[in-house]
Amino acid sequence: MTTIPDITDTEQWILRTTLRERYGRDSELQLADAEIRLHASDRELTLCPVVVWQAEDGCNFLVFKAGERRYRCQFFYKPYKQMGTGVDEYDDLAECAVALLQAQADYVAEQRGDLPARKR
């Protein structure tokens, strides 16, 4: 069974700093665990640490730690419609967070009609 290290103070700092730059204020981060498949072929689920936060518009963001310097991310407004960046995994947490925030901003712009809709 694979053991994934917990979210470190440094990783939390990276996320808090990135969110402060985006929103101009501190955001509340919540730490949790989730069971995910590390590989599509896996039959077993692996327990992974997750950082969760919610934006003022009700969007939920998740960053999963899938290993040492391995991160996955998604956002959703409704649990049955989860969206991501189009990249399966990042080796840089700051890049992961910025890409996630940009994907959500693009989604909002598409919904308003400011950007043409992309296939997801």
PDB file of N, CA and C in Angstrom:
ATOM      1  N   MET A   1       0.842  -1.181   0.000  1.00  0.00           N
ATOM      2  CA  MET A   1       0.000   0.000   0.000  1.00  0.00           C
ATOM      3  C   MET A   1       0.892   1.250   0.000  1.00  0.00           C
ATOM      4  N   THR A   2       0.585   2.184  -0.850  1.00  0.00           N
ATOM      5  CA  THR A   2       1.348   3.421  -0.982  1.00  0.00           C
ATOM      6  C   THR A   2       0.935   4.407   0.110  1.00  0.00           C
ATOM      7  N   THR A   3       1.917   5.024   0.749  1.00  0.00           N
ATOM      8  CA  THR A   3       1.650   6.056   1.743  1.00  0.00           C
ATOM      9  C   THR A   3       2.083   7.394   1.171  1.00  0.00           C
ATOM     10  N   ILE A   4       1.159   8.331   1.139  1.00  0.00           N
ATOM     11  CA  ILE A   4       1.419   9.671   0.612  1.00  0.00           C
ATOM     12  C   ILE A   4       1.725  10.595   1.793  1.00  0.00           C
ATOM     13  N   PRO A   5       2.803  11.372   1.721  1.00  0.00           N
ATOM     14  CA  PRO A   5       3.111  12.287   2.828  1.00  0.00           C
ATOM     15  C   PRO A   5       2.041  13.377   2.968  1.00  0.00           C
ATOM     16  N   ASP A   6       1.852  13.847   4.206  1.00  0.00           N
ATOM     17  CA  ASP A   6       0.878  14.907   4.473  1.00  0.00           C
ATOM     18  C   ASP A   6       1.270  16.212   3.784  1.00  0.00           C
ATOM     19  N   ILE A   7       0.301  17.098   3.695  1.00  0.00           N
ATOM     20  CA  ILE A   7       0.533  18.448   3.183  1.00  0.00           C
ATOM     21  C   ILE A   7       1.446  19.164   4.192  1.00  0.00           C
ATOM     22  N   THR A   8       2.524  19.732   3.707  1.00  0.00           N
ATOM     23  CA  THR A   8       3.478  20.396   4.601  1.00  0.00           C
ATOM     24  C   THR A   8       3.091  21.857   4.844  1.00  0.00           C
ATOM     25  N   ASP A   9       3.711  22.449   5.841  1.00  0.00           N
ATOM     26  CA  ASP A   9       3.502  23.877   6.108  1.00  0.00           C
ATOM     27  C   ASP A   9       3.926  24.715   4.899  1.00  0.00           C
ATOM     28  N   THR A  10       4.992  24.319   4.240  1.00  0.00           N
ATOM     29  CA  THR A  10       5.474  25.039   3.051  1.00  0.00           C
ATOM     30  C   THR A  10       4.442  24.959   1.933  1.00  0.00           C
ATOM     31  N   GLU A  11       3.864  23.798   1.730  1.00  0.00           N
ATOM     32  CA  GLU A  11       2.830  23.657   0.687  1.00  0.00           C
ATOM     33  C   GLU A  11       1.606  24.504   1.024  1.00  0.00           C
ATOM     34  N   GLN A  12       1.217  24.541   2.287  1.00  0.00           N
ATOM     35  CA  GLN A  12       0.094  25.402   2.687  1.00  0.00           C
ATOM     36  C   GLN A  12       0.442  26.869   2.446  1.00  0.00           C
ATOM     37  N   TRP A  13       1.675  27.261   2.746  1.00  0.00           N
ATOM     38  CA  TRP A  13       2.104  28.635   2.524  1.00  0.00           C
ATOM     39  C   TRP A  13       2.025  28.988   1.038  1.00  0.00           C
ATOM     40  N   ILE A  14       2.468  28.083   0.181  1.00  0.00           N
ATOM     41  CA  ILE A  14       2.402  28.315  -1.276  1.00  0.00           C
ATOM     42  C   ILE A  14       0.961  28.564  -1.700  1.00  0.00           C
ATOM     43  N   LEU A  15       0.053  27.745  -1.226  1.00  0.00           N
ATOM     44  CA  LEU A  15      -1.357  27.912  -1.601  1.00  0.00           C
ATOM     45  C   LEU A  15      -1.928  29.202  -1.030  1.00  0.00           C
ATOM     46  N   ARG A  16      -1.657  29.482   0.236  1.00  0.00           N
ATOM     47  CA  ARG A  16      -2.186  30.717   0.846  1.00  0.00           C
ATOM     48  C   ARG A  16      -1.669  31.955   0.117  1.00  0.00           C
ATOM     49  N   THR A  17      -0.397  31.957  -0.218  1.00  0.00           N
ATOM     50  CA  THR A  17       0.198  33.087  -0.928  1.00  0.00           C
ATOM     51  C   THR A  17      -0.418  33.258  -2.313  1.00  0.00           C
ATOM     52  N   THR A  18      -0.600  32.163  -3.022  1.00  0.00           N
ATOM     53  CA  THR A  18      -1.209  32.212  -4.357  1.00  0.00           C
ATOM     54  C   THR A  18      -2.640  32.731  -4.279  1.00  0.00           C
ATOM     55  N   LEU A  19      -3.396  32.260  -3.305  1.00  0.00           N
ATOM     56  CA  LEU A  19      -4.788  32.710  -3.152  1.00  0.00           C
ATOM     57  C   LEU A  19      -4.865  34.168  -2.722  1.00  0.00           C
ATOM     58  N   ARG A  20      -3.942  34.607  -1.882  1.00  0.00           N
ATOM     59  CA  ARG A  20      -3.913  36.012  -1.465  1.00  0.00           C
ATOM     60  C   ARG A  20      -3.641  36.909  -2.678  1.00  0.00           C
ATOM     61  N   GLU A  21      -2.752  36.468  -3.562  1.00  0.00           N
ATOM     62  CA  GLU A  21      -2.474  37.234  -4.777  1.00  0.00           C
ATOM     63  C   GLU A  21      -3.702  37.276  -5.684  1.00  0.00           C
ATOM     64  N   ARG A  22      -4.444  36.199  -5.751  1.00  0.00           N
ATOM     65  CA  ARG A  22      -5.626  36.138  -6.615  1.00  0.00           C
ATOM     66  C   ARG A  22      -6.787  36.957  -6.065  1.00  0.00           C
ATOM     67  N   TYR A  23      -7.079  36.781  -4.768  1.00  0.00           N
ATOM     68  CA  TYR A  23      -8.284  37.378  -4.190  1.00  0.00           C
ATOM     69  C   TYR A  23      -8.034  38.652  -3.387  1.00  0.00           C
ATOM     70  N   GLY A  24      -6.775  38.971  -3.093  1.00  0.00           N
ATOM     71  CA  GLY A  24      -6.473  40.172  -2.331  1.00  0.00           C
ATOM     72  C   GLY A  24      -6.793  40.049  -0.855  1.00  0.00           C
ATOM     73  N   ARG A  25      -6.968  38.844  -0.380  1.00  0.00           N
ATOM     74  CA  ARG A  25      -7.275  38.590   1.034  1.00  0.00           C
ATOM     75  C   ARG A  25      -6.900  37.148   1.348  1.00  0.00           C
ATOM     76  N   ASP A  26      -6.878  36.830   2.629  1.00  0.00           N
ATOM     77  CA  ASP A  26      -6.589  35.455   3.026  1.00  0.00           C
ATOM     78  C   ASP A  26      -7.804  34.568   2.779  1.00  0.00           C
ATOM     79  N   SER A  27      -7.562  33.343   2.384  1.00  0.00           N
ATOM     80  CA  SER A  27      -8.616  32.349   2.179  1.00  0.00           C
ATOM     81  C   SER A  27      -8.445  31.233   3.197  1.00  0.00           C
ATOM     82  N   GLU A  28      -9.555  30.703   3.655  1.00  0.00           N
ATOM     83  CA  GLU A  28      -9.509  29.601   4.609  1.00  0.00           C
ATOM     84  C   GLU A  28      -9.264  28.292   3.868  1.00  0.00           C
ATOM     85  N   LEU A  29      -8.188  27.633   4.232  1.00  0.00           N
ATOM     86  CA  LEU A  29      -7.880  26.323   3.662  1.00  0.00           C
ATOM     87  C   LEU A  29      -8.317  25.252   4.645  1.00  0.00           C
ATOM     88  N   GLN A  30      -8.859  24.171   4.107  1.00  0.00           N
ATOM     89  CA  GLN A  30      -9.217  23.031   4.935  1.00  0.00           C
ATOM     90  C   GLN A  30      -8.405  21.835   4.459  1.00  0.00           C
ATOM     91  N   LEU A  31      -7.905  21.069   5.402  1.00  0.00           N
ATOM     92  CA  LEU A  31      -7.159  19.868   5.078  1.00  0.00           C
ATOM     93  C   LEU A  31      -8.076  18.668   5.259  1.00  0.00           C
ATOM     94  N   ALA A  32      -7.963  17.740   4.332  1.00  0.00           N
ATOM     95  CA  ALA A  32      -8.809  16.545   4.367  1.00  0.00           C
ATOM     96  C   ALA A  32      -8.030  15.396   3.739  1.00  0.00           C
ATOM     97  N   ASP A  33      -8.673  14.269   3.630  1.00  0.00           N
ATOM     98  CA  ASP A  33      -8.127  13.106   2.937  1.00  0.00           C
ATOM     99  C   ASP A  33      -9.169  12.609   1.948  1.00  0.00           C
ATOM    100  N   ALA A  34      -8.700  12.035   0.869  1.00  0.00           N
ATOM    101  CA  ALA A  34      -9.601  11.452  -0.136  1.00  0.00           C
ATOM    102  C   ALA A  34      -8.969  10.177  -0.665  1.00  0.00           C
ATOM    103  N   GLU A  35      -9.809   9.251  -1.048  1.00  0.00           N
ATOM    104  CA  GLU A  35      -9.330   8.028  -1.676  1.00  0.00           C
ATOM    105  C   GLU A  35      -9.447   8.190  -3.185  1.00  0.00           C
ATOM    106  N   ILE A  36      -8.314   8.034  -3.866  1.00  0.00           N
ATOM    107  CA  ILE A  36      -8.300   8.175  -5.321  1.00  0.00           C
ATOM    108  C   ILE A  36      -7.491   7.036  -5.925  1.00  0.00           C
ATOM    109  N   ARG A  37      -7.678   6.840  -7.209  1.00  0.00           N
ATOM    110  CA  ARG A  37      -6.834   5.910  -7.956  1.00  0.00           C
ATOM    111  C   ARG A  37      -5.622   6.692  -8.452  1.00  0.00           C
ATOM    112  N   LEU A  38      -4.449   6.243  -8.074  1.00  0.00           N
ATOM    113  CA  LEU A  38      -3.241   6.929  -8.521  1.00  0.00           C
ATOM    114  C   LEU A  38      -2.985   6.692 -10.002  1.00  0.00           C
ATOM    115  N   HIS A  39      -3.444   5.561 -10.511  1.00  0.00           N
ATOM    116  CA  HIS A  39      -3.312   5.221 -11.927  1.00  0.00           C
ATOM    117  C   HIS A  39      -4.649   4.662 -12.394  1.00  0.00           C
ATOM    118  N   ALA A  40      -5.012   4.922 -13.629  1.00  0.00           N
ATOM    119  CA  ALA A  40      -6.300   4.462 -14.152  1.00  0.00           C
ATOM    120  C   ALA A  40      -6.465   2.952 -14.021  1.00  0.00           C
ATOM    121  N   SER A  41      -5.384   2.218 -14.069  1.00  0.00           N
ATOM    122  CA  SER A  41      -5.443   0.762 -13.995  1.00  0.00           C
ATOM    123  C   SER A  41      -5.532   0.229 -12.567  1.00  0.00           C
ATOM    124  N   ASP A  42      -5.370   1.091 -11.565  1.00  0.00           N
ATOM    125  CA  ASP A  42      -5.409   0.635 -10.172  1.00  0.00           C
ATOM    126  C   ASP A  42      -6.792   0.116  -9.804  1.00  0.00           C
ATOM    127  N   ARG A  43      -6.817  -0.994  -9.110  1.00  0.00           N
ATOM    128  CA  ARG A  43      -8.070  -1.531  -8.575  1.00  0.00           C
ATOM    129  C   ARG A  43      -8.323  -0.979  -7.177  1.00  0.00           C
ATOM    130  N   GLU A  44      -7.248  -0.703  -6.482  1.00  0.00           N
ATOM    131  CA  GLU A  44      -7.344  -0.208  -5.109  1.00  0.00           C
ATOM    132  C   GLU A  44      -7.259   1.317  -5.087  1.00  0.00           C
ATOM    133  N   LEU A  45      -7.936   1.895  -4.105  1.00  0.00           N
ATOM    134  CA  LEU A  45      -7.856   3.333  -3.894  1.00  0.00           C
ATOM    135  C   LEU A  45      -6.725   3.639  -2.915  1.00  0.00           C
ATOM    136  N   THR A  46      -6.120   4.806  -3.071  1.00  0.00           N
ATOM    137  CA  THR A  46      -5.040   5.241  -2.192  1.00  0.00           C
ATOM    138  C   THR A  46      -5.496   6.488  -1.449  1.00  0.00           C
ATOM    139  N   LEU A  47      -5.261   6.518  -0.149  1.00  0.00           N
ATOM    140  CA  LEU A  47      -5.612   7.668   0.666  1.00  0.00           C
ATOM    141  C   LEU A  47      -4.600   8.791   0.424  1.00  0.00           C
ATOM    142  N   CYS A  48      -5.103   9.956   0.010  1.00  0.00           N
ATOM    143  CA  CYS A  48      -4.250  11.100  -0.318  1.00  0.00           C
ATOM    144  C   CYS A  48      -4.692  12.329   0.470  1.00  0.00           C
ATOM    145  N   PRO A  49      -3.744  13.135   0.930  1.00  0.00           N
ATOM    146  CA  PRO A  49      -4.095  14.411   1.554  1.00  0.00           C
ATOM    147  C   PRO A  49      -4.651  15.377   0.500  1.00  0.00           C
ATOM    148  N   VAL A  50      -5.588  16.205   0.941  1.00  0.00           N
ATOM    149  CA  VAL A  50      -6.239  17.159   0.040  1.00  0.00           C
ATOM    150  C   VAL A  50      -6.338  18.511   0.740  1.00  0.00           C
ATOM    151  N   VAL A  51      -6.144  19.563  -0.031  1.00  0.00           N
ATOM    152  CA  VAL A  51      -6.413  20.918   0.450  1.00  0.00           C
ATOM    153  C   VAL A  51      -7.674  21.387  -0.281  1.00  0.00           C
ATOM    154  N   VAL A  52      -8.613  21.923   0.499  1.00  0.00           N
ATOM    155  CA  VAL A  52      -9.903  22.348  -0.043  1.00  0.00           C
ATOM    156  C   VAL A  52     -10.143  23.802   0.351  1.00  0.00           C
ATOM    157  N   TRP A  53     -10.705  24.584  -0.575  1.00  0.00           N
ATOM    158  CA  TRP A  53     -11.171  25.925  -0.231  1.00  0.00           C
ATOM    159  C   TRP A  53     -12.354  26.254  -1.118  1.00  0.00           C
ATOM    160  N   GLN A  54     -13.099  27.275  -0.688  1.00  0.00           N
ATOM    161  CA  GLN A  54     -14.284  27.684  -1.438  1.00  0.00           C
ATOM    162  C   GLN A  54     -14.198  29.173  -1.733  1.00  0.00           C
ATOM    163  N   ALA A  55     -14.518  29.511  -2.975  1.00  0.00           N
ATOM    164  CA  ALA A  55     -14.530  30.916  -3.392  1.00  0.00           C
ATOM    165  C   ALA A  55     -15.871  31.549  -3.008  1.00  0.00           C
ATOM    166  N   GLU A  56     -15.918  32.867  -3.048  1.00  0.00           N
ATOM    167  CA  GLU A  56     -17.142  33.588  -2.683  1.00  0.00           C
ATOM    168  C   GLU A  56     -18.319  33.242  -3.584  1.00  0.00           C
ATOM    169  N   ASP A  57     -18.040  32.836  -4.834  1.00  0.00           N
ATOM    170  CA  ASP A  57     -19.131  32.498  -5.756  1.00  0.00           C
ATOM    171  C   ASP A  57     -19.619  31.059  -5.574  1.00  0.00           C
ATOM    172  N   GLY A  58     -19.105  30.363  -4.546  1.00  0.00           N
ATOM    173  CA  GLY A  58     -19.551  29.007  -4.264  1.00  0.00           C
ATOM    174  C   GLY A  58     -18.740  27.924  -4.944  1.00  0.00           C
ATOM    175  N   CYS A  59     -17.719  28.308  -5.681  1.00  0.00           N
ATOM    176  CA  CYS A  59     -16.874  27.314  -6.340  1.00  0.00           C
ATOM    177  C   CYS A  59     -15.991  26.631  -5.303  1.00  0.00           C
ATOM    178  N   ASN A  60     -15.913  25.316  -5.395  1.00  0.00           N
ATOM    179  CA  ASN A  60     -15.065  24.515  -4.517  1.00  0.00           C
ATOM    180  C   ASN A  60     -13.817  24.103  -5.281  1.00  0.00           C
ATOM    181  N   PHE A  61     -12.665  24.227  -4.625  1.00  0.00           N
ATOM    182  CA  PHE A  61     -11.382  23.881  -5.220  1.00  0.00           C
ATOM    183  C   PHE A  61     -10.744  22.776  -4.399  1.00  0.00           C
ATOM    184  N   LEU A  62     -10.101  21.837  -5.083  1.00  0.00           N
ATOM    185  CA  LEU A  62      -9.386  20.757  -4.407  1.00  0.00           C
ATOM    186  C   LEU A  62      -8.023  20.576  -5.050  1.00  0.00           C
ATOM    187  N   VAL A  63      -7.008  20.432  -4.209  1.00  0.00           N
ATOM    188  CA  VAL A  63      -5.668  20.065  -4.666  1.00  0.00           C
ATOM    189  C   VAL A  63      -5.295  18.797  -3.911  1.00  0.00           C
ATOM    190  N   PHE A  64      -5.099  17.734  -4.656  1.00  0.00           N
ATOM    191  CA  PHE A  64      -4.744  16.430  -4.099  1.00  0.00           C
ATOM    192  C   PHE A  64      -3.233  16.271  -4.143  1.00  0.00           C
ATOM    193  N   LYS A  65      -2.659  15.764  -3.071  1.00  0.00           N
ATOM    194  CA  LYS A  65      -1.241  15.417  -3.072  1.00  0.00           C
ATOM    195  C   LYS A  65      -1.162  13.927  -3.377  1.00  0.00           C
ATOM    196  N   ALA A  66      -0.643  13.603  -4.558  1.00  0.00           N
ATOM    197  CA  ALA A  66      -0.612  12.219  -5.026  1.00  0.00           C
ATOM    198  C   ALA A  66       0.748  11.562  -4.803  1.00  0.00           C
ATOM    199  N   GLY A  67       1.669  12.278  -4.188  1.00  0.00           N
ATOM    200  CA  GLY A  67       3.007  11.763  -3.923  1.00  0.00           C
ATOM    201  C   GLY A  67       3.935  12.927  -3.654  1.00  0.00           C
ATOM    202  N   GLU A  68       5.203  12.625  -3.473  1.00  0.00           N
ATOM    203  CA  GLU A  68       6.185  13.689  -3.265  1.00  0.00           C
ATOM    204  C   GLU A  68       6.301  14.512  -4.544  1.00  0.00           C
ATOM    205  N   ARG A  69       5.976  15.816  -4.444  1.00  0.00           N
ATOM    206  CA  ARG A  69       5.966  16.735  -5.605  1.00  0.00           C
ATOM    207  C   ARG A  69       5.065  16.231  -6.737  1.00  0.00           C
ATOM    208  N   ARG A  70       3.900  15.688  -6.371  1.00  0.00           N
ATOM    209  CA  ARG A  70       2.904  15.235  -7.352  1.00  0.00           C
ATOM    210  C   ARG A  70       1.546  15.746  -6.888  1.00  0.00           C
ATOM    211  N   TYR A  71       0.916  16.577  -7.723  1.00  0.00           N
ATOM    212  CA  TYR A  71      -0.328  17.233  -7.350  1.00  0.00           C
ATOM    213  C   TYR A  71      -1.355  17.106  -8.468  1.00  0.00           C
ATOM    214  N   ARG A  72      -2.601  16.937  -8.071  1.00  0.00           N
ATOM    215  CA  ARG A  72      -3.734  16.922  -8.994  1.00  0.00           C
ATOM    216  C   ARG A  72      -4.736  17.945  -8.488  1.00  0.00           C
ATOM    217  N   CYS A  73      -5.572  18.442  -9.384  1.00  0.00           N
ATOM    218  CA  CYS A  73      -6.499  19.481  -8.952  1.00  0.00           C
ATOM    219  C   CYS A  73      -7.808  19.416  -9.723  1.00  0.00           C
ATOM    220  N   GLN A  74      -8.830  19.985  -9.116  1.00  0.00           N
ATOM    221  CA  GLN A  74     -10.126  20.120  -9.773  1.00  0.00           C
ATOM    222  C   GLN A  74     -10.927  21.207  -9.068  1.00  0.00           C
ATOM    223  N   PHE A  75     -11.973  21.665  -9.744  1.00  0.00           N
ATOM    224  CA  PHE A  75     -12.907  22.602  -9.131  1.00  0.00           C
ATOM    225  C   PHE A  75     -14.307  22.197  -9.548  1.00  0.00           C
ATOM    226  N   PHE A  76     -15.278  22.618  -8.745  1.00  0.00           N
ATOM    227  CA  PHE A  76     -16.668  22.315  -9.082  1.00  0.00           C
ATOM    228  C   PHE A  76     -17.613  23.272  -8.365  1.00  0.00           C
ATOM    229  N   TYR A  77     -18.760  23.465  -9.003  1.00  0.00           N
ATOM    230  CA  TYR A  77     -19.854  24.199  -8.382  1.00  0.00           C
ATOM    231  C   TYR A  77     -20.894  23.212  -7.866  1.00  0.00           C
ATOM    232  N   LYS A  78     -21.076  22.145  -8.622  1.00  0.00           N
ATOM    233  CA  LYS A  78     -21.965  21.058  -8.228  1.00  0.00           C
ATOM    234  C   LYS A  78     -21.155  19.771  -8.273  1.00  0.00           C
ATOM    235  N   PRO A  79     -21.272  18.918  -7.265  1.00  0.00           N
ATOM    236  CA  PRO A  79     -20.412  17.723  -7.187  1.00  0.00           C
ATOM    237  C   PRO A  79     -20.458  16.817  -8.420  1.00  0.00           C
ATOM    238  N   TYR A  80     -21.552  16.827  -9.145  1.00  0.00           N
ATOM    239  CA  TYR A  80     -21.651  15.940 -10.305  1.00  0.00           C
ATOM    240  C   TYR A  80     -20.981  16.510 -11.550  1.00  0.00           C
ATOM    241  N   LYS A  81     -20.468  17.749 -11.474  1.00  0.00           N
ATOM    242  CA  LYS A  81     -19.795  18.346 -12.622  1.00  0.00           C
ATOM    243  C   LYS A  81     -18.444  18.898 -12.177  1.00  0.00           C
ATOM    244  N   GLN A  82     -17.443  18.023 -12.157  1.00  0.00           N
ATOM    245  CA  GLN A  82     -16.110  18.404 -11.722  1.00  0.00           C
ATOM    246  C   GLN A  82     -15.266  18.755 -12.937  1.00  0.00           C
ATOM    247  N   MET A  83     -14.475  19.812 -12.796  1.00  0.00           N
ATOM    248  CA  MET A  83     -13.652  20.287 -13.901  1.00  0.00           C
ATOM    249  C   MET A  83     -12.208  20.440 -13.451  1.00  0.00           C
ATOM    250  N   GLY A  84     -11.311  20.391 -14.409  1.00  0.00           N
ATOM    251  CA  GLY A  84      -9.896  20.524 -14.093  1.00  0.00           C
ATOM    252  C   GLY A  84      -9.197  21.399 -15.106  1.00  0.00           C
ATOM    253  N   THR A  85      -7.899  21.246 -15.162  1.00  0.00           N
ATOM    254  CA  THR A  85      -7.072  22.087 -16.017  1.00  0.00           C
ATOM    255  C   THR A  85      -6.736  21.429 -17.349  1.00  0.00           C
ATOM    256  N   GLY A  86      -7.002  20.130 -17.452  1.00  0.00           N
ATOM    257  CA  GLY A  86      -6.603  19.390 -18.644  1.00  0.00           C
ATOM    258  C   GLY A  86      -5.241  18.729 -18.485  1.00  0.00           C
ATOM    259  N   VAL A  87      -4.571  18.995 -17.367  1.00  0.00           N
ATOM    260  CA  VAL A  87      -3.281  18.368 -17.062  1.00  0.00           C
ATOM    261  C   VAL A  87      -3.537  17.359 -15.944  1.00  0.00           C
ATOM    262  N   ASP A  88      -3.101  16.133 -16.135  1.00  0.00           N
ATOM    263  CA  ASP A  88      -3.364  15.079 -15.152  1.00  0.00           C
ATOM    264  C   ASP A  88      -2.642  15.293 -13.835  1.00  0.00           C
ATOM    265  N   GLU A  89      -1.393  15.734 -13.898  1.00  0.00           N
ATOM    266  CA  GLU A  89      -0.620  15.848 -12.674  1.00  0.00           C
ATOM    267  C   GLU A  89       0.478  16.899 -12.839  1.00  0.00           C
ATOM    268  N   TYR A  90       0.745  17.616 -11.758  1.00  0.00           N
ATOM    269  CA  TYR A  90       1.781  18.655 -11.737  1.00  0.00           C
ATOM    270  C   TYR A  90       2.894  18.244 -10.779  1.00  0.00           C
ATOM    271  N   ASP A  91       4.117  18.683 -11.063  1.00  0.00           N
ATOM    272  CA  ASP A  91       5.218  18.453 -10.133  1.00  0.00           C
ATOM    273  C   ASP A  91       5.596  19.736  -9.400  1.00  0.00           C
ATOM    274  N   ASP A  92       4.849  20.802  -9.641  1.00  0.00           N
ATOM    275  CA  ASP A  92       5.070  22.091  -8.989  1.00  0.00           C
ATOM    276  C   ASP A  92       3.732  22.583  -8.446  1.00  0.00           C
ATOM    277  N   LEU A  93       3.630  22.738  -7.135  1.00  0.00           N
ATOM    278  CA  LEU A  93       2.366  23.117  -6.517  1.00  0.00           C
ATOM    279  C   LEU A  93       1.902  24.506  -6.938  1.00  0.00           C
ATOM    280  N   ALA A  94       2.816  25.469  -7.036  1.00  0.00           N
ATOM    281  CA  ALA A  94       2.430  26.817  -7.451  1.00  0.00           C
ATOM    282  C   ALA A  94       1.845  26.799  -8.861  1.00  0.00           C
ATOM    283  N   GLU A  95       2.481  26.069  -9.759  1.00  0.00           N
ATOM    284  CA  GLU A  95       1.970  25.950 -11.126  1.00  0.00           C
ATOM    285  C   GLU A  95       0.590  25.295 -11.132  1.00  0.00           C
ATOM    286  N   CYS A  96       0.408  24.276 -10.307  1.00  0.00           N
ATOM    287  CA  CYS A  96      -0.876  23.591 -10.191  1.00  0.00           C
ATOM    288  C   CYS A  96      -1.961  24.566  -9.731  1.00  0.00           C
ATOM    289  N   ALA A  97      -1.680  25.328  -8.680  1.00  0.00           N
ATOM    290  CA  ALA A  97      -2.660  26.262  -8.129  1.00  0.00           C
ATOM    291  C   ALA A  97      -3.012  27.369  -9.117  1.00  0.00           C
ATOM    292  N   VAL A  98      -2.014  27.930  -9.773  1.00  0.00           N
ATOM    293  CA  VAL A  98      -2.260  29.003 -10.741  1.00  0.00           C
ATOM    294  C   VAL A  98      -3.077  28.476 -11.921  1.00  0.00           C
ATOM    295  N   ALA A  99      -2.732  27.294 -12.418  1.00  0.00           N
ATOM    296  CA  ALA A  99      -3.479  26.700 -13.532  1.00  0.00           C
ATOM    297  C   ALA A  99      -4.925  26.423 -13.132  1.00  0.00           C
ATOM    298  N   LEU A 100      -5.135  25.955 -11.904  1.00  0.00           N
ATOM    299  CA  LEU A 100      -6.488  25.682 -11.419  1.00  0.00           C
ATOM    300  C   LEU A 100      -7.307  26.964 -11.341  1.00  0.00           C
ATOM    301  N   LEU A 101      -6.728  28.005 -10.772  1.00  0.00           N
ATOM    302  CA  LEU A 101      -7.433  29.287 -10.670  1.00  0.00           C
ATOM    303  C   LEU A 101      -7.720  29.872 -12.049  1.00  0.00           C
ATOM    304  N   GLN A 102      -6.799  29.721 -12.989  1.00  0.00           N
ATOM    305  CA  GLN A 102      -7.004  30.222 -14.349  1.00  0.00           C
ATOM    306  C   GLN A 102      -8.099  29.439 -15.059  1.00  0.00           C
ATOM    307  N   ALA A 103      -8.113  28.117 -14.883  1.00  0.00           N
ATOM    308  CA  ALA A 103      -9.154  27.287 -15.506  1.00  0.00           C
ATOM    309  C   ALA A 103     -10.528  27.688 -14.985  1.00  0.00           C
ATOM    310  N   GLN A 104     -10.630  27.967 -13.699  1.00  0.00           N
ATOM    311  CA  GLN A 104     -11.915  28.383 -13.126  1.00  0.00           C
ATOM    312  C   GLN A 104     -12.308  29.770 -13.635  1.00  0.00           C
ATOM    313  N   ALA A 105     -11.345  30.687 -13.736  1.00  0.00           N
ATOM    314  CA  ALA A 105     -11.639  32.026 -14.262  1.00  0.00           C
ATOM    315  C   ALA A 105     -12.100  31.935 -15.716  1.00  0.00           C
ATOM    316  N   ASP A 106     -11.469  31.071 -16.504  1.00  0.00           N
ATOM    317  CA  ASP A 106     -11.888  30.868 -17.895  1.00  0.00           C
ATOM    318  C   ASP A 106     -13.297  30.285 -17.955  1.00  0.00           C
ATOM    319  N   TYR A 107     -13.596  29.351 -17.068  1.00  0.00           N
ATOM    320  CA  TYR A 107     -14.933  28.748 -17.018  1.00  0.00           C
ATOM    321  C   TYR A 107     -15.990  29.822 -16.730  1.00  0.00           C
ATOM    322  N   VAL A 108     -15.719  30.678 -15.756  1.00  0.00           N
ATOM    323  CA  VAL A 108     -16.658  31.757 -15.413  1.00  0.00           C
ATOM    324  C   VAL A 108     -16.845  32.689 -16.611  1.00  0.00           C
ATOM    325  N   ALA A 109     -15.748  33.039 -17.279  1.00  0.00           N
ATOM    326  CA  ALA A 109     -15.833  33.916 -18.454  1.00  0.00           C
ATOM    327  C   ALA A 109     -16.641  33.258 -19.574  1.00  0.00           C
ATOM    328  N   GLU A 110     -16.467  31.956 -19.762  1.00  0.00           N
ATOM    329  CA  GLU A 110     -17.251  31.230 -20.771  1.00  0.00           C
ATOM    330  C   GLU A 110     -18.735  31.267 -20.429  1.00  0.00           C
ATOM    331  N   GLN A 111     -19.058  31.076 -19.156  1.00  0.00           N
ATOM    332  CA  GLN A 111     -20.456  31.076 -18.726  1.00  0.00           C
ATOM    333  C   GLN A 111     -21.109  32.442 -18.933  1.00  0.00           C
ATOM    334  N   ARG A 112     -20.333  33.501 -18.771  1.00  0.00           N
ATOM    335  CA  ARG A 112     -20.840  34.861 -19.001  1.00  0.00           C
ATOM    336  C   ARG A 112     -20.936  35.186 -20.482  1.00  0.00           C
ATOM    337  N   GLY A 113     -20.251  34.405 -21.313  1.00  0.00           N
ATOM    338  CA  GLY A 113     -20.231  34.671 -22.740  1.00  0.00           C
ATOM    339  C   GLY A 113     -19.057  35.530 -23.178  1.00  0.00           C
ATOM    340  N   ASP A 114     -18.116  35.770 -22.272  1.00  0.00           N
ATOM    341  CA  ASP A 114     -16.949  36.581 -22.597  1.00  0.00           C
ATOM    342  C   ASP A 114     -15.913  35.809 -23.404  1.00  0.00           C
ATOM    343  N   LEU A 115     -15.924  34.487 -23.302  1.00  0.00           N
ATOM    344  CA  LEU A 115     -15.016  33.609 -24.043  1.00  0.00           C
ATOM    345  C   LEU A 115     -15.849  32.544 -24.736  1.00  0.00           C
ATOM    346  N   PRO A 116     -15.416  32.116 -25.920  1.00  0.00           N
ATOM    347  CA  PRO A 116     -16.131  30.996 -26.551  1.00  0.00           C
ATOM    348  C   PRO A 116     -15.964  29.735 -25.720  1.00  0.00           C
ATOM    349  N   ALA A 117     -17.005  28.927 -25.635  1.00  0.00           N
ATOM    350  CA  ALA A 117     -16.978  27.697 -24.845  1.00  0.00           C
ATOM    351  C   ALA A 117     -15.992  26.699 -25.442  1.00  0.00           C
ATOM    352  N   ARG A 118     -15.262  26.017 -24.560  1.00  0.00           N
ATOM    353  CA  ARG A 118     -14.358  24.955 -24.978  1.00  0.00           C
ATOM    354  C   ARG A 118     -14.993  23.623 -24.641  1.00  0.00           C
ATOM    355  N   LYS A 119     -14.548  22.586 -25.342  1.00  0.00           N
ATOM    356  CA  LYS A 119     -14.999  21.236 -24.986  1.00  0.00           C
ATOM    357  C   LYS A 119     -14.272  20.797 -23.745  1.00  0.00           C
ATOM    358  N   ARG A 120     -14.975  20.226 -22.795  1.00  0.00           N
ATOM    359  CA  ARG A 120     -14.367  19.759 -21.529  1.00  0.00           C
ATOM    360  C   ARG A 120     -14.555  18.281 -21.418  1.00  0.00           C
TER     361      ARG A 120
END
